[in-house]
Amino acid sequence: MSNIVITGANRGIGFGLAKEFSKSGHNVIGICRNASNDMRNHCSEVLDGYDLTKEESLASLYENLSGTKIDILINNAGILQQDSLSQLPSNSLLDQFKVNAMAPILLTSKILPLIQKPGKVIVITSRMGSIADNGSGGYYGYRMSKAAVNAAFVSLARDLASSDIHVAIIHPGMVATEMTGRQGIPVEESVSGIVNRINELNASSSGKFYHQNGEELPW
């Protein structure tokens, strides 16, 4: 049984991952701002009321997790806001950057001493952060923030290469969640692929960019 920490575990992909890992007998610690009843029913422990963009929340969370030996950390929480070249509010860009790019690496850095060796750190990102794959434009804040988090977790993989902690950078696919307006593949299909990628993660795949279906994606 592993201790698995999942951010954004109250809905969507995060909740799907919490449910799947819990069903497999693992100890799941779910982190979010506002816990749902479903989340409480499927997580071994719920830590809610946390804003991972704020230093005080990160410090409080570290204290609450300080007695836990973490085997897998899954940075899943994220936001997507609509923008375009003609409507590009700076606060929207900044909010997406804080949540999607800064929070995952700040959280990982904060609780890194609690992650066991061998251990795994995961970030659920998006192929919309791929520069080579951008054929449609738009979504400036989301694309910029996801490109930034991809870069951060490649650096993390390099920094941890000798420590027996491996890093997975995973695109979940277009998934039918609230974020996508319920368009895309079922959550369960995405979760199954993500779990497979996590299980397969090793030194040779650490720091690479994968679709949940196993395809390696371009930067």
N, C-alpha and C. Protein backbone atom coordinates (compact mmCIF):
# COMPACT_ATOMS: atom_id res chain seq x y z
N MET A 1 0.84 -1.20 0.00
CA MET A 1 0.00 0.00 0.00
C MET A 1 0.87 1.25 0.00
N SER A 2 0.57 2.16 -0.89
CA SER A 2 1.33 3.41 -1.00
C SER A 2 0.53 4.57 -0.42
N ASN A 3 1.24 5.59 0.06
CA ASN A 3 0.62 6.84 0.45
C ASN A 3 0.68 7.78 -0.75
N ILE A 4 -0.50 8.17 -1.25
CA ILE A 4 -0.58 8.96 -2.48
C ILE A 4 -1.28 10.28 -2.18
N VAL A 5 -0.62 11.38 -2.46
CA VAL A 5 -1.17 12.72 -2.25
C VAL A 5 -1.63 13.26 -3.61
N ILE A 6 -2.88 13.73 -3.68
CA ILE A 6 -3.45 14.23 -4.93
C ILE A 6 -4.04 15.62 -4.70
N THR A 7 -3.60 16.60 -5.47
CA THR A 7 -4.21 17.93 -5.39
C THR A 7 -5.40 18.01 -6.34
N GLY A 8 -6.36 18.86 -6.01
CA GLY A 8 -7.55 18.99 -6.84
C GLY A 8 -8.35 17.69 -6.89
N ALA A 9 -8.42 17.00 -5.75
CA ALA A 9 -9.04 15.67 -5.71
C ALA A 9 -10.55 15.72 -5.50
N ASN A 10 -11.12 16.90 -5.53
CA ASN A 10 -12.56 17.03 -5.24
C ASN A 10 -13.44 16.82 -6.46
N ARG A 11 -12.87 16.82 -7.66
CA ARG A 11 -13.69 16.65 -8.86
C ARG A 11 -12.82 16.26 -10.05
N GLY A 12 -13.48 15.93 -11.16
CA GLY A 12 -12.79 15.69 -12.41
C GLY A 12 -11.74 14.59 -12.34
N ILE A 13 -10.61 14.83 -12.99
CA ILE A 13 -9.54 13.85 -13.06
C ILE A 13 -8.97 13.56 -11.68
N GLY A 14 -8.83 14.57 -10.85
CA GLY A 14 -8.29 14.37 -9.51
C GLY A 14 -9.15 13.43 -8.69
N PHE A 15 -10.47 13.63 -8.76
CA PHE A 15 -11.37 12.73 -8.04
C PHE A 15 -11.31 11.33 -8.64
N GLY A 16 -11.25 11.25 -9.98
CA GLY A 16 -11.15 9.95 -10.63
C GLY A 16 -9.91 9.19 -10.18
N LEU A 17 -8.78 9.89 -10.07
CA LEU A 17 -7.55 9.27 -9.60
C LEU A 17 -7.68 8.83 -8.14
N ALA A 18 -8.28 9.68 -7.32
CA ALA A 18 -8.47 9.33 -5.91
C ALA A 18 -9.31 8.07 -5.78
N LYS A 19 -10.38 8.01 -6.55
CA LYS A 19 -11.27 6.84 -6.49
C LYS A 19 -10.55 5.57 -6.95
N GLU A 20 -9.78 5.68 -8.04
CA GLU A 20 -9.09 4.51 -8.59
C GLU A 20 -8.01 4.00 -7.64
N PHE A 21 -7.20 4.90 -7.11
CA PHE A 21 -6.14 4.47 -6.20
C PHE A 21 -6.72 3.93 -4.88
N SER A 22 -7.79 4.53 -4.42
CA SER A 22 -8.44 4.04 -3.20
C SER A 22 -8.99 2.64 -3.42
N LYS A 23 -9.61 2.42 -4.57
CA LYS A 23 -10.16 1.10 -4.91
C LYS A 23 -9.07 0.04 -4.96
N SER A 24 -7.85 0.47 -5.32
CA SER A 24 -6.73 -0.46 -5.41
C SER A 24 -6.05 -0.69 -4.06
N GLY A 25 -6.60 -0.08 -3.01
CA GLY A 25 -6.10 -0.33 -1.66
C GLY A 25 -5.05 0.62 -1.16
N HIS A 26 -4.82 1.71 -1.88
CA HIS A 26 -3.81 2.67 -1.44
C HIS A 26 -4.42 3.69 -0.47
N ASN A 27 -3.55 4.32 0.29
CA ASN A 27 -3.94 5.38 1.21
C ASN A 27 -3.90 6.70 0.45
N VAL A 28 -5.06 7.29 0.19
CA VAL A 28 -5.15 8.50 -0.63
C VAL A 28 -5.41 9.71 0.24
N ILE A 29 -4.55 10.70 0.11
CA ILE A 29 -4.72 11.97 0.82
C ILE A 29 -5.10 13.01 -0.23
N GLY A 30 -6.32 13.50 -0.16
CA GLY A 30 -6.82 14.46 -1.13
C GLY A 30 -6.70 15.88 -0.63
N ILE A 31 -6.22 16.77 -1.49
CA ILE A 31 -6.05 18.18 -1.15
C ILE A 31 -6.90 19.02 -2.09
N CYS A 32 -7.60 20.01 -1.53
CA CYS A 32 -8.41 20.89 -2.38
C CYS A 32 -8.78 22.13 -1.60
N ARG A 33 -9.49 23.03 -2.26
CA ARG A 33 -10.03 24.22 -1.57
C ARG A 33 -11.34 23.88 -0.88
N ASN A 34 -12.23 23.18 -1.60
CA ASN A 34 -13.54 22.85 -1.05
C ASN A 34 -13.85 21.38 -1.33
N ALA A 35 -13.86 20.57 -0.30
CA ALA A 35 -14.06 19.13 -0.46
C ALA A 35 -15.52 18.81 -0.82
N SER A 36 -15.69 17.82 -1.70
CA SER A 36 -17.02 17.32 -2.03
C SER A 36 -17.31 16.10 -1.18
N ASN A 37 -18.58 15.74 -1.07
CA ASN A 37 -18.95 14.54 -0.32
C ASN A 37 -18.35 13.29 -0.95
N ASP A 38 -18.34 13.24 -2.29
CA ASP A 38 -17.74 12.10 -2.98
C ASP A 38 -16.27 11.96 -2.63
N MET A 39 -15.58 13.09 -2.59
CA MET A 39 -14.16 13.06 -2.23
C MET A 39 -13.96 12.50 -0.83
N ARG A 40 -14.78 12.95 0.10
CA ARG A 40 -14.67 12.47 1.49
C ARG A 40 -14.93 10.97 1.58
N ASN A 41 -15.77 10.46 0.70
CA ASN A 41 -16.10 9.03 0.72
C ASN A 41 -15.01 8.15 0.12
N HIS A 42 -14.12 8.74 -0.69
CA HIS A 42 -13.13 7.93 -1.39
C HIS A 42 -11.69 8.20 -0.99
N CYS A 43 -11.45 9.24 -0.23
CA CYS A 43 -10.10 9.52 0.24
C CYS A 43 -9.93 9.06 1.68
N SER A 44 -8.76 8.53 1.99
CA SER A 44 -8.47 8.13 3.37
C SER A 44 -8.39 9.35 4.27
N GLU A 45 -7.93 10.45 3.71
CA GLU A 45 -7.80 11.70 4.46
C GLU A 45 -8.07 12.86 3.51
N VAL A 46 -8.78 13.85 3.99
CA VAL A 46 -9.09 15.03 3.19
C VAL A 46 -8.49 16.26 3.88
N LEU A 47 -7.72 17.01 3.11
CA LEU A 47 -7.17 18.27 3.59
C LEU A 47 -7.73 19.37 2.69
N ASP A 48 -8.72 20.10 3.20
CA ASP A 48 -9.34 21.13 2.36
C ASP A 48 -9.12 22.50 2.96
N GLY A 49 -9.50 23.51 2.18
CA GLY A 49 -9.30 24.89 2.60
C GLY A 49 -7.94 25.43 2.21
N TYR A 50 -7.25 24.74 1.29
CA TYR A 50 -5.90 25.15 0.91
C TYR A 50 -5.87 25.86 -0.43
N ASP A 51 -5.20 27.00 -0.46
CA ASP A 51 -4.92 27.73 -1.69
C ASP A 51 -3.42 27.58 -1.94
N LEU A 52 -3.06 26.72 -2.87
CA LEU A 52 -1.66 26.36 -3.05
C LEU A 52 -0.84 27.43 -3.74
N THR A 53 -1.46 28.56 -4.06
CA THR A 53 -0.71 29.70 -4.59
C THR A 53 -0.19 30.59 -3.47
N LYS A 54 -0.55 30.28 -2.22
CA LYS A 54 -0.19 31.14 -1.10
C LYS A 54 0.80 30.43 -0.17
N GLU A 55 1.83 31.14 0.24
CA GLU A 55 2.89 30.57 1.06
C GLU A 55 2.36 30.05 2.39
N GLU A 56 1.40 30.77 2.98
CA GLU A 56 0.89 30.31 4.28
C GLU A 56 0.15 28.99 4.16
N SER A 57 -0.54 28.77 3.04
CA SER A 57 -1.21 27.49 2.82
C SER A 57 -0.20 26.37 2.65
N LEU A 58 0.86 26.63 1.91
CA LEU A 58 1.90 25.62 1.71
C LEU A 58 2.57 25.25 3.03
N ALA A 59 2.83 26.25 3.87
CA ALA A 59 3.45 25.98 5.17
C ALA A 59 2.52 25.16 6.06
N SER A 60 1.24 25.52 6.07
CA SER A 60 0.26 24.79 6.87
C SER A 60 0.11 23.35 6.37
N LEU A 61 0.10 23.19 5.07
CA LEU A 61 -0.03 21.86 4.50
C LEU A 61 1.17 20.99 4.86
N TYR A 62 2.35 21.57 4.80
CA TYR A 62 3.55 20.81 5.19
C TYR A 62 3.44 20.32 6.63
N GLU A 63 2.96 21.17 7.49
CA GLU A 63 2.81 20.77 8.90
C GLU A 63 1.82 19.62 9.03
N ASN A 64 0.72 19.68 8.28
CA ASN A 64 -0.29 18.62 8.36
C ASN A 64 0.20 17.30 7.77
N LEU A 65 1.12 17.38 6.82
CA LEU A 65 1.64 16.17 6.18
C LEU A 65 2.94 15.68 6.80
N SER A 66 3.47 16.39 7.78
CA SER A 66 4.83 16.15 8.26
C SER A 66 5.05 14.74 8.82
N GLY A 67 3.99 14.08 9.25
CA GLY A 67 4.15 12.71 9.76
C GLY A 67 3.91 11.65 8.71
N THR A 68 3.72 12.06 7.47
CA THR A 68 3.36 11.13 6.38
C THR A 68 4.56 10.84 5.49
N LYS A 69 4.77 9.57 5.21
CA LYS A 69 5.80 9.17 4.25
C LYS A 69 5.12 9.03 2.88
N ILE A 70 5.35 9.99 2.01
CA ILE A 70 4.65 10.06 0.73
C ILE A 70 5.39 9.23 -0.32
N ASP A 71 4.66 8.35 -0.98
CA ASP A 71 5.24 7.55 -2.06
C ASP A 71 5.02 8.20 -3.42
N ILE A 72 3.84 8.78 -3.62
CA ILE A 72 3.52 9.41 -4.90
C ILE A 72 2.82 10.74 -4.64
N LEU A 73 3.31 11.80 -5.25
CA LEU A 73 2.66 13.10 -5.22
C LEU A 73 2.12 13.39 -6.61
N ILE A 74 0.81 13.65 -6.71
CA ILE A 74 0.19 13.96 -8.00
C ILE A 74 -0.30 15.40 -7.98
N ASN A 75 0.39 16.26 -8.71
CA ASN A 75 -0.02 17.66 -8.87
C ASN A 75 -1.05 17.72 -9.99
N ASN A 76 -2.32 17.76 -9.62
CA ASN A 76 -3.40 17.70 -10.60
C ASN A 76 -4.19 19.00 -10.72
N ALA A 77 -4.29 19.77 -9.65
CA ALA A 77 -5.14 20.96 -9.64
C ALA A 77 -4.74 21.94 -10.75
N GLY A 78 -5.73 22.49 -11.42
CA GLY A 78 -5.46 23.47 -12.47
C GLY A 78 -6.71 24.22 -12.86
N ILE A 79 -6.53 25.32 -13.59
CA ILE A 79 -7.67 26.09 -14.07
C ILE A 79 -7.46 26.45 -15.54
N LEU A 80 -8.57 26.65 -16.24
CA LEU A 80 -8.54 27.12 -17.62
C LEU A 80 -9.53 28.27 -17.73
N GLN A 81 -9.04 29.41 -18.22
CA GLN A 81 -9.90 30.57 -18.45
C GLN A 81 -9.85 30.97 -19.91
N GLN A 82 -10.99 31.33 -20.44
CA GLN A 82 -11.08 31.70 -21.86
C GLN A 82 -10.41 33.06 -22.08
N ASP A 83 -9.56 33.14 -23.09
CA ASP A 83 -8.99 34.43 -23.49
C ASP A 83 -8.67 34.38 -24.97
N SER A 84 -8.37 35.52 -25.53
CA SER A 84 -8.02 35.61 -26.95
C SER A 84 -7.13 36.83 -27.12
N LEU A 85 -6.59 37.00 -28.31
CA LEU A 85 -5.69 38.13 -28.56
C LEU A 85 -6.40 39.46 -28.36
N SER A 86 -7.70 39.51 -28.65
CA SER A 86 -8.45 40.76 -28.51
C SER A 86 -8.99 40.96 -27.09
N GLN A 87 -9.05 39.89 -26.31
CA GLN A 87 -9.50 39.97 -24.91
C GLN A 87 -8.52 39.20 -24.06
N LEU A 88 -7.54 39.93 -23.53
CA LEU A 88 -6.42 39.30 -22.84
C LEU A 88 -6.16 40.01 -21.51
N PRO A 89 -7.04 39.81 -20.54
CA PRO A 89 -6.87 40.49 -19.25
C PRO A 89 -5.66 39.96 -18.49
N SER A 90 -4.85 40.86 -17.97
CA SER A 90 -3.62 40.46 -17.30
C SER A 90 -3.90 39.64 -16.04
N ASN A 91 -5.02 39.92 -15.34
CA ASN A 91 -5.32 39.15 -14.12
C ASN A 91 -5.62 37.69 -14.44
N SER A 92 -6.23 37.44 -15.61
CA SER A 92 -6.50 36.07 -16.02
C SER A 92 -5.20 35.33 -16.32
N LEU A 93 -4.30 35.99 -17.04
CA LEU A 93 -2.99 35.38 -17.32
C LEU A 93 -2.28 35.04 -16.02
N LEU A 94 -2.29 35.97 -15.09
CA LEU A 94 -1.58 35.78 -13.83
C LEU A 94 -2.21 34.67 -12.98
N ASP A 95 -3.54 34.65 -12.92
CA ASP A 95 -4.22 33.60 -12.14
C ASP A 95 -3.88 32.21 -12.67
N GLN A 96 -3.91 32.06 -13.99
CA GLN A 96 -3.60 30.75 -14.57
C GLN A 96 -2.13 30.38 -14.34
N PHE A 97 -1.27 31.36 -14.43
CA PHE A 97 0.15 31.09 -14.20
C PHE A 97 0.40 30.66 -12.76
N LYS A 98 -0.26 31.33 -11.81
CA LYS A 98 -0.08 30.98 -10.40
C LYS A 98 -0.56 29.57 -10.10
N VAL A 99 -1.76 29.24 -10.60
CA VAL A 99 -2.35 27.94 -10.28
C VAL A 99 -1.70 26.80 -11.07
N ASN A 100 -1.51 27.01 -12.37
CA ASN A 100 -1.06 25.92 -13.24
C ASN A 100 0.44 25.72 -13.25
N ALA A 101 1.21 26.80 -13.08
CA ALA A 101 2.67 26.70 -13.20
C ALA A 101 3.38 26.81 -11.86
N MET A 102 3.02 27.81 -11.06
CA MET A 102 3.75 28.05 -9.83
C MET A 102 3.36 27.08 -8.71
N ALA A 103 2.07 26.88 -8.51
CA ALA A 103 1.63 26.06 -7.37
C ALA A 103 2.21 24.64 -7.40
N PRO A 104 2.22 23.94 -8.53
CA PRO A 104 2.75 22.57 -8.51
C PRO A 104 4.22 22.48 -8.11
N ILE A 105 5.05 23.39 -8.62
CA ILE A 105 6.47 23.29 -8.30
C ILE A 105 6.74 23.81 -6.89
N LEU A 106 5.98 24.81 -6.44
CA LEU A 106 6.14 25.28 -5.06
C LEU A 106 5.73 24.21 -4.06
N LEU A 107 4.61 23.53 -4.32
CA LEU A 107 4.17 22.46 -3.44
C LEU A 107 5.19 21.33 -3.42
N THR A 108 5.65 20.92 -4.59
CA THR A 108 6.62 19.83 -4.66
C THR A 108 7.88 20.18 -3.89
N SER A 109 8.38 21.39 -4.08
CA SER A 109 9.58 21.82 -3.37
C SER A 109 9.36 21.80 -1.86
N LYS A 110 8.17 22.24 -1.44
CA LYS A 110 7.88 22.34 -0.01
C LYS A 110 7.86 20.98 0.67
N ILE A 111 7.22 20.01 0.03
CA ILE A 111 7.04 18.72 0.70
C ILE A 111 8.02 17.65 0.21
N LEU A 112 9.00 18.05 -0.59
CA LEU A 112 9.98 17.09 -1.09
C LEU A 112 10.64 16.27 0.02
N PRO A 113 10.95 16.85 1.19
CA PRO A 113 11.57 16.04 2.25
C PRO A 113 10.68 14.89 2.74
N LEU A 114 9.39 14.93 2.45
CA LEU A 114 8.47 13.89 2.91
C LEU A 114 8.32 12.77 1.90
N ILE A 115 8.85 12.95 0.68
CA ILE A 115 8.71 11.95 -0.37
C ILE A 115 9.76 10.86 -0.20
N GLN A 116 9.28 9.64 -0.16
CA GLN A 116 10.15 8.48 0.06
C GLN A 116 11.00 8.17 -1.18
N LYS A 117 12.06 7.44 -0.95
CA LYS A 117 12.93 6.98 -2.03
C LYS A 117 12.92 5.46 -2.04
N PRO A 118 12.54 4.82 -3.13
CA PRO A 118 12.13 5.44 -4.39
C PRO A 118 10.77 6.11 -4.28
N GLY A 119 10.58 7.18 -5.03
CA GLY A 119 9.32 7.91 -5.01
C GLY A 119 9.01 8.46 -6.38
N LYS A 120 7.79 8.99 -6.51
CA LYS A 120 7.34 9.52 -7.79
C LYS A 120 6.62 10.84 -7.60
N VAL A 121 6.91 11.79 -8.49
CA VAL A 121 6.23 13.08 -8.52
C VAL A 121 5.60 13.23 -9.89
N ILE A 122 4.31 13.54 -9.91
CA ILE A 122 3.55 13.61 -11.15
C ILE A 122 2.99 15.02 -11.32
N VAL A 123 2.99 15.52 -12.54
CA VAL A 123 2.22 16.72 -12.84
C VAL A 123 1.27 16.40 -14.00
N ILE A 124 0.00 16.69 -13.78
CA ILE A 124 -0.99 16.56 -14.84
C ILE A 124 -1.01 17.90 -15.57
N THR A 125 -0.53 17.89 -16.80
CA THR A 125 -0.35 19.10 -17.58
C THR A 125 -1.26 19.06 -18.80
N SER A 126 -0.82 19.58 -19.93
CA SER A 126 -1.62 19.56 -21.14
C SER A 126 -0.71 19.68 -22.36
N ARG A 127 -1.10 19.01 -23.44
CA ARG A 127 -0.34 19.18 -24.68
C ARG A 127 -0.53 20.58 -25.24
N MET A 128 -1.47 21.35 -24.67
CA MET A 128 -1.60 22.75 -25.07
C MET A 128 -0.41 23.58 -24.61
N GLY A 129 0.42 23.01 -23.75
CA GLY A 129 1.67 23.65 -23.37
C GLY A 129 2.82 23.32 -24.31
N SER A 130 2.54 22.50 -25.32
CA SER A 130 3.56 22.16 -26.30
C SER A 130 3.64 23.25 -27.37
N ILE A 131 4.82 23.79 -27.59
CA ILE A 131 5.01 24.80 -28.64
C ILE A 131 4.95 24.14 -30.02
N ALA A 132 5.59 22.98 -30.15
CA ALA A 132 5.60 22.30 -31.45
C ALA A 132 4.22 21.82 -31.86
N ASP A 133 3.34 21.56 -30.89
CA ASP A 133 2.03 20.99 -31.18
C ASP A 133 0.94 22.07 -31.35
N ASN A 134 1.31 23.33 -31.21
CA ASN A 134 0.33 24.41 -31.27
C ASN A 134 -0.01 24.75 -32.71
N GLY A 135 -1.13 24.21 -33.19
CA GLY A 135 -1.54 24.48 -34.56
C GLY A 135 -2.76 25.36 -34.66
N SER A 136 -3.30 25.83 -33.52
CA SER A 136 -4.56 26.57 -33.57
C SER A 136 -4.52 27.92 -32.86
N GLY A 137 -3.46 28.19 -32.07
CA GLY A 137 -3.36 29.47 -31.38
C GLY A 137 -4.34 29.63 -30.25
N GLY A 138 -4.50 30.87 -29.78
CA GLY A 138 -5.45 31.17 -28.71
C GLY A 138 -5.05 30.60 -27.36
N TYR A 139 -5.96 30.73 -26.40
CA TYR A 139 -5.77 30.19 -25.04
C TYR A 139 -4.40 30.59 -24.48
N TYR A 140 -4.11 31.88 -24.51
CA TYR A 140 -2.78 32.37 -24.16
C TYR A 140 -2.38 32.02 -22.73
N GLY A 141 -3.24 32.32 -21.78
CA GLY A 141 -2.90 32.06 -20.38
C GLY A 141 -2.70 30.59 -20.09
N TYR A 142 -3.58 29.77 -20.63
CA TYR A 142 -3.49 28.33 -20.38
C TYR A 142 -2.24 27.75 -21.05
N ARG A 143 -2.02 28.09 -22.31
CA ARG A 143 -0.84 27.57 -23.02
C ARG A 143 0.45 28.03 -22.34
N MET A 144 0.54 29.31 -21.98
CA MET A 144 1.74 29.82 -21.34
C MET A 144 2.00 29.14 -20.01
N SER A 145 0.96 28.97 -19.22
CA SER A 145 1.13 28.38 -17.89
C SER A 145 1.51 26.91 -17.99
N LYS A 146 0.96 26.20 -18.97
CA LYS A 146 1.29 24.78 -19.11
C LYS A 146 2.69 24.59 -19.70
N ALA A 147 3.10 25.47 -20.60
CA ALA A 147 4.48 25.41 -21.09
C ALA A 147 5.46 25.65 -19.94
N ALA A 148 5.10 26.58 -19.05
CA ALA A 148 5.96 26.89 -17.91
C ALA A 148 6.06 25.72 -16.94
N VAL A 149 4.94 25.07 -16.65
CA VAL A 149 5.00 23.94 -15.70
C VAL A 149 5.74 22.77 -16.32
N ASN A 150 5.61 22.59 -17.65
CA ASN A 150 6.40 21.54 -18.31
C ASN A 150 7.89 21.79 -18.13
N ALA A 151 8.31 23.03 -18.33
CA ALA A 151 9.72 23.38 -18.18
C ALA A 151 10.19 23.15 -16.74
N ALA A 152 9.34 23.53 -15.78
CA ALA A 152 9.70 23.37 -14.37
C ALA A 152 9.91 21.90 -14.00
N PHE A 153 9.04 21.03 -14.52
CA PHE A 153 9.14 19.63 -14.11
C PHE A 153 10.22 18.87 -14.89
N VAL A 154 10.63 19.37 -16.04
CA VAL A 154 11.84 18.83 -16.66
C VAL A 154 13.05 19.17 -15.78
N SER A 155 13.12 20.41 -15.32
CA SER A 155 14.21 20.79 -14.41
C SER A 155 14.18 19.95 -13.14
N LEU A 156 12.98 19.71 -12.62
CA LEU A 156 12.85 18.88 -11.42
C LEU A 156 13.40 17.48 -11.67
N ALA A 157 13.05 16.91 -12.82
CA ALA A 157 13.54 15.57 -13.15
C ALA A 157 15.07 15.55 -13.19
N ARG A 158 15.66 16.59 -13.76
CA ARG A 158 17.13 16.66 -13.82
C ARG A 158 17.73 16.79 -12.41
N ASP A 159 17.12 17.65 -11.59
CA ASP A 159 17.65 17.86 -10.24
C ASP A 159 17.53 16.63 -9.36
N LEU A 160 16.51 15.79 -9.62
CA LEU A 160 16.28 14.62 -8.79
C LEU A 160 16.82 13.33 -9.41
N ALA A 161 17.53 13.45 -10.52
CA ALA A 161 17.96 12.27 -11.28
C ALA A 161 18.78 11.29 -10.45
N SER A 162 19.55 11.79 -9.50
CA SER A 162 20.40 10.90 -8.71
C SER A 162 19.78 10.53 -7.36
N SER A 163 18.53 10.95 -7.14
CA SER A 163 17.94 10.77 -5.81
C SER A 163 16.92 9.64 -5.74
N ASP A 164 16.66 8.93 -6.85
CA ASP A 164 15.68 7.84 -6.91
C ASP A 164 14.25 8.35 -6.73
N ILE A 165 14.02 9.60 -7.13
CA ILE A 165 12.66 10.13 -7.24
C ILE A 165 12.45 10.50 -8.70
N HIS A 166 11.43 9.89 -9.32
CA HIS A 166 11.20 10.06 -10.74
C HIS A 166 10.00 10.98 -11.00
N VAL A 167 10.03 11.66 -12.14
CA VAL A 167 9.07 12.71 -12.44
C VAL A 167 8.31 12.38 -13.73
N ALA A 168 6.98 12.39 -13.65
CA ALA A 168 6.14 12.16 -14.84
C ALA A 168 5.40 13.43 -15.20
N ILE A 169 5.43 13.77 -16.49
CA ILE A 169 4.75 14.94 -17.05
C ILE A 169 3.69 14.39 -17.99
N ILE A 170 2.41 14.45 -17.60
CA ILE A 170 1.37 13.68 -18.29
C ILE A 170 0.23 14.57 -18.79
N HIS A 171 -0.06 14.41 -20.08
CA HIS A 171 -1.26 15.01 -20.69
C HIS A 171 -2.40 14.01 -20.55
N PRO A 172 -3.52 14.39 -19.94
CA PRO A 172 -4.60 13.43 -19.67
C PRO A 172 -5.51 13.16 -20.86
N GLY A 173 -5.32 13.90 -21.96
CA GLY A 173 -6.26 13.83 -23.07
C GLY A 173 -7.33 14.89 -22.91
N MET A 174 -8.20 14.98 -23.89
CA MET A 174 -9.38 15.84 -23.81
C MET A 174 -10.44 15.07 -23.03
N VAL A 175 -10.67 15.48 -21.80
CA VAL A 175 -11.48 14.69 -20.88
C VAL A 175 -12.78 15.41 -20.56
N ALA A 176 -13.87 14.66 -20.50
CA ALA A 176 -15.19 15.23 -20.25
C ALA A 176 -15.34 15.61 -18.78
N THR A 177 -14.86 16.81 -18.43
CA THR A 177 -14.96 17.35 -17.08
C THR A 177 -15.61 18.73 -17.14
N GLU A 178 -15.79 19.32 -15.99
CA GLU A 178 -16.34 20.68 -15.94
C GLU A 178 -15.47 21.66 -16.70
N MET A 179 -14.14 21.46 -16.63
CA MET A 179 -13.20 22.36 -17.30
C MET A 179 -13.42 22.40 -18.81
N THR A 180 -13.76 21.26 -19.40
CA THR A 180 -13.90 21.18 -20.86
C THR A 180 -15.35 21.26 -21.32
N GLY A 181 -16.27 21.60 -20.41
CA GLY A 181 -17.67 21.63 -20.78
C GLY A 181 -18.23 20.25 -21.06
N ARG A 182 -17.64 19.24 -20.40
CA ARG A 182 -18.07 17.83 -20.54
C ARG A 182 -17.82 17.27 -21.94
N GLN A 183 -16.85 17.86 -22.65
CA GLN A 183 -16.50 17.36 -23.98
C GLN A 183 -15.23 16.50 -23.86
N GLY A 184 -15.24 15.32 -24.50
CA GLY A 184 -14.04 14.51 -24.50
C GLY A 184 -14.27 13.10 -24.05
N ILE A 185 -13.19 12.40 -23.76
CA ILE A 185 -13.27 11.01 -23.34
C ILE A 185 -13.73 10.92 -21.89
N PRO A 186 -14.26 9.77 -21.47
CA PRO A 186 -14.69 9.62 -20.08
C PRO A 186 -13.51 9.76 -19.12
N VAL A 187 -13.79 10.28 -17.94
CA VAL A 187 -12.75 10.42 -16.91
C VAL A 187 -12.07 9.09 -16.64
N GLU A 188 -12.86 8.02 -16.59
CA GLU A 188 -12.31 6.70 -16.27
C GLU A 188 -11.27 6.24 -17.28
N GLU A 189 -11.48 6.57 -18.56
CA GLU A 189 -10.51 6.20 -19.59
C GLU A 189 -9.20 6.95 -19.40
N SER A 190 -9.30 8.24 -19.14
CA SER A 190 -8.10 9.04 -18.90
C SER A 190 -7.36 8.55 -17.67
N VAL A 191 -8.09 8.32 -16.59
CA VAL A 191 -7.49 7.88 -15.33
C VAL A 191 -6.76 6.56 -15.52
N SER A 192 -7.35 5.64 -16.26
CA SER A 192 -6.71 4.35 -16.50
C SER A 192 -5.35 4.54 -17.17
N GLY A 193 -5.29 5.42 -18.18
CA GLY A 193 -4.03 5.67 -18.86
C GLY A 193 -3.02 6.36 -17.96
N ILE A 194 -3.48 7.33 -17.17
CA ILE A 194 -2.58 8.03 -16.25
C ILE A 194 -1.97 7.06 -15.25
N VAL A 195 -2.79 6.19 -14.70
CA VAL A 195 -2.30 5.20 -13.73
C VAL A 195 -1.26 4.29 -14.37
N ASN A 196 -1.49 3.90 -15.61
CA ASN A 196 -0.50 3.08 -16.32
C ASN A 196 0.82 3.81 -16.48
N ARG A 197 0.75 5.09 -16.83
CA ARG A 197 1.98 5.86 -17.00
C ARG A 197 2.71 6.01 -15.66
N ILE A 198 1.97 6.20 -14.59
CA ILE A 198 2.59 6.31 -13.27
C ILE A 198 3.25 4.99 -12.88
N ASN A 199 2.56 3.89 -13.12
CA ASN A 199 3.11 2.58 -12.77
C ASN A 199 4.38 2.28 -13.55
N GLU A 200 4.44 2.74 -14.81
CA GLU A 200 5.59 2.48 -15.67
C GLU A 200 6.76 3.43 -15.43
N LEU A 201 6.53 4.52 -14.71
CA LEU A 201 7.54 5.56 -14.54
C LEU A 201 8.82 5.00 -13.93
N ASN A 202 9.94 5.30 -14.58
CA ASN A 202 11.24 4.88 -14.08
C ASN A 202 12.29 5.91 -14.47
N ALA A 203 13.54 5.60 -14.24
CA ALA A 203 14.61 6.57 -14.50
C ALA A 203 14.67 6.96 -15.97
N SER A 204 14.40 6.03 -16.87
CA SER A 204 14.53 6.33 -18.30
C SER A 204 13.38 7.19 -18.83
N SER A 205 12.21 7.13 -18.19
CA SER A 205 11.07 7.93 -18.66
C SER A 205 10.90 9.22 -17.86
N SER A 206 11.65 9.37 -16.78
CA SER A 206 11.54 10.56 -15.93
C SER A 206 11.88 11.82 -16.72
N GLY A 207 11.00 12.83 -16.62
CA GLY A 207 11.24 14.10 -17.29
C GLY A 207 10.78 14.15 -18.73
N LYS A 208 10.15 13.06 -19.22
CA LYS A 208 9.61 13.07 -20.58
C LYS A 208 8.12 13.42 -20.53
N PHE A 209 7.59 13.79 -21.68
CA PHE A 209 6.23 14.33 -21.79
C PHE A 209 5.36 13.29 -22.50
N TYR A 210 4.40 12.72 -21.73
CA TYR A 210 3.60 11.64 -22.28
C TYR A 210 2.10 11.97 -22.29
N HIS A 211 1.44 11.53 -23.35
CA HIS A 211 -0.01 11.43 -23.38
C HIS A 211 -0.39 10.26 -22.49
N GLN A 212 -1.58 10.32 -21.89
CA GLN A 212 -1.99 9.20 -21.04
C GLN A 212 -2.06 7.89 -21.79
N ASN A 213 -2.18 7.95 -23.13
CA ASN A 213 -2.26 6.72 -23.92
C ASN A 213 -0.89 6.11 -24.22
N GLY A 214 0.17 6.73 -23.72
CA GLY A 214 1.52 6.20 -23.88
C GLY A 214 2.33 6.88 -24.96
N GLU A 215 1.72 7.75 -25.77
CA GLU A 215 2.45 8.46 -26.82
C GLU A 215 3.35 9.52 -26.20
N GLU A 216 4.62 9.56 -26.64
CA GLU A 216 5.50 10.63 -26.18
C GLU A 216 5.22 11.87 -27.01
N LEU A 217 5.04 13.01 -26.34
CA LEU A 217 4.63 14.26 -26.98
C LEU A 217 5.80 15.19 -27.19
N PRO A 218 5.72 16.06 -28.21
CA PRO A 218 6.79 17.02 -28.48
C PRO A 218 6.69 18.22 -27.53
N TRP A 219 7.82 18.86 -27.31
CA TRP A 219 7.82 20.07 -26.49
C TRP A 219 7.43 21.29 -27.32
